Structures are given as structure tokens and as C-alpha cells.
Amino acid sequence: MSAQVEHTTLMTGATGFLGIYVLRDLLERGHRVVALLRPPLSSNRRRLQDQL
């Protein structure tokens, strides 16, 4: 029996044009993602929250 391995990925650029797609793919594959983000008022961060 094979053991499940939880992957944790540190990601930069998660709020960028391609980053949002990479982030979604990682989450769908079961990765735990830690994303480095700009300060809370960043419009890109709001866009990321809206798309997830």
C-alpha cells in the first residue's frame, strides 16, 4: 500500500497572469500552497481572492 504524501509548495507570483492558473492547478492536485503576497490593499490580492 502506497502512503499519501502531502506536498507543500511555496509560491511567488500567485497573483500574476499565469500564477493564478498555476495556483489553481496545484490546489486541484492536492498541494498545500503558501503564497507570498503583497500588502493587503493590493488589487492583485483582491483579484486572487475573487478567483479562488
C-alpha atoms as a PDB file:
ATOM      1  CA  MET A   1       0.000   0.000   0.000  1.00  0.00           C
ATOM      2  CA  SER A   2       1.426   3.363  -1.014  1.00  0.00           C
ATOM      3  CA  ALA A   3       1.458   6.216   1.517  1.00  0.00           C
ATOM      4  CA  GLN A   4      -0.072   9.564   0.595  1.00  0.00           C
ATOM      5  CA  VAL A   5       2.480  12.359   0.632  1.00  0.00           C
ATOM      6  CA  GLU A   6       1.240  15.888   1.264  1.00  0.00           C
ATOM      7  CA  HIS A   7       3.123  18.410  -0.837  1.00  0.00           C
ATOM      8  CA  THR A   8       3.679  21.944   0.388  1.00  0.00           C
ATOM      9  CA  THR A   9       4.651  24.442  -2.267  1.00  0.00           C
ATOM     10  CA  LEU A  10       5.990  27.953  -1.667  1.00  0.00           C
ATOM     11  CA  MET A  11       4.809  30.163  -4.496  1.00  0.00           C
ATOM     12  CA  THR A  12       5.676  33.670  -5.598  1.00  0.00           C
ATOM     13  CA  GLY A  13       3.766  35.378  -8.374  1.00  0.00           C
ATOM     14  CA  ALA A  14       0.448  33.778  -7.416  1.00  0.00           C
ATOM     15  CA  THR A  15      -1.414  36.998  -8.209  1.00  0.00           C
ATOM     16  CA  GLY A  16       0.096  37.330 -11.670  1.00  0.00           C
ATOM     17  CA  PHE A  17      -1.472  36.467 -15.010  1.00  0.00           C
ATOM     18  CA  LEU A  18      -0.028  32.945 -15.153  1.00  0.00           C
ATOM     19  CA  GLY A  19       0.327  32.484 -11.416  1.00  0.00           C
ATOM     20  CA  ILE A  20      -3.403  32.193 -10.800  1.00  0.00           C
ATOM     21  CA  TYR A  21      -3.588  29.229 -13.180  1.00  0.00           C
ATOM     22  CA  VAL A  22      -0.551  27.548 -11.645  1.00  0.00           C
ATOM     23  CA  LEU A  23      -2.035  28.079  -8.171  1.00  0.00           C
ATOM     24  CA  ARG A  24      -5.374  26.541  -9.161  1.00  0.00           C
ATOM     25  CA  ASP A  25      -3.630  23.542 -10.693  1.00  0.00           C
ATOM     26  CA  LEU A  26      -1.519  22.947  -7.590  1.00  0.00           C
ATOM     27  CA  LEU A  27      -4.583  23.157  -5.337  1.00  0.00           C
ATOM     28  CA  GLU A  28      -6.532  20.751  -7.567  1.00  0.00           C
ATOM     29  CA  ARG A  29      -3.640  18.284  -7.309  1.00  0.00           C
ATOM     30  CA  GLY A  30      -3.846  18.382  -3.524  1.00  0.00           C
ATOM     31  CA  HIS A  31      -0.835  20.568  -2.791  1.00  0.00           C
ATOM     32  CA  ARG A  32      -0.787  22.819   0.236  1.00  0.00           C
ATOM     33  CA  VAL A  33       0.279  26.204  -1.158  1.00  0.00           C
ATOM     34  CA  VAL A  34       1.938  29.014   0.748  1.00  0.00           C
ATOM     35  CA  ALA A  35       1.848  32.110  -1.446  1.00  0.00           C
ATOM     36  CA  LEU A  36       3.900  35.227  -0.855  1.00  0.00           C
ATOM     37  CA  LEU A  37       1.616  38.200  -1.415  1.00  0.00           C
ATOM     38  CA  ARG A  38       1.913  41.960  -1.416  1.00  0.00           C
ATOM     39  CA  PRO A  39       0.322  44.065   1.347  1.00  0.00           C
ATOM     40  CA  PRO A  40      -3.442  43.513   1.890  1.00  0.00           C
ATOM     41  CA  LEU A  41      -4.577  46.523  -0.147  1.00  0.00           C
ATOM     42  CA  SER A  42      -3.023  45.199  -3.340  1.00  0.00           C
ATOM     43  CA  SER A  43      -5.576  44.995  -6.157  1.00  0.00           C
ATOM     44  CA  ASN A  44      -3.892  41.800  -7.344  1.00  0.00           C
ATOM     45  CA  ARG A  45      -4.530  40.147  -3.988  1.00  0.00           C
ATOM     46  CA  ARG A  46      -8.229  41.059  -4.197  1.00  0.00           C
ATOM     47  CA  ARG A  47      -8.324  39.594  -7.718  1.00  0.00           C
ATOM     48  CA  LEU A  48      -6.732  36.379  -6.422  1.00  0.00           C
ATOM     49  CA  GLN A  49      -9.287  36.081  -3.631  1.00  0.00           C
ATOM     50  CA  ASP A  50     -12.121  36.664  -6.085  1.00  0.00           C
ATOM     51  CA  GLN A  51     -10.899  33.966  -8.480  1.00  0.00           C
ATOM     52  CA  LEU A  52     -10.428  31.193  -5.911  1.00  0.00           C
END
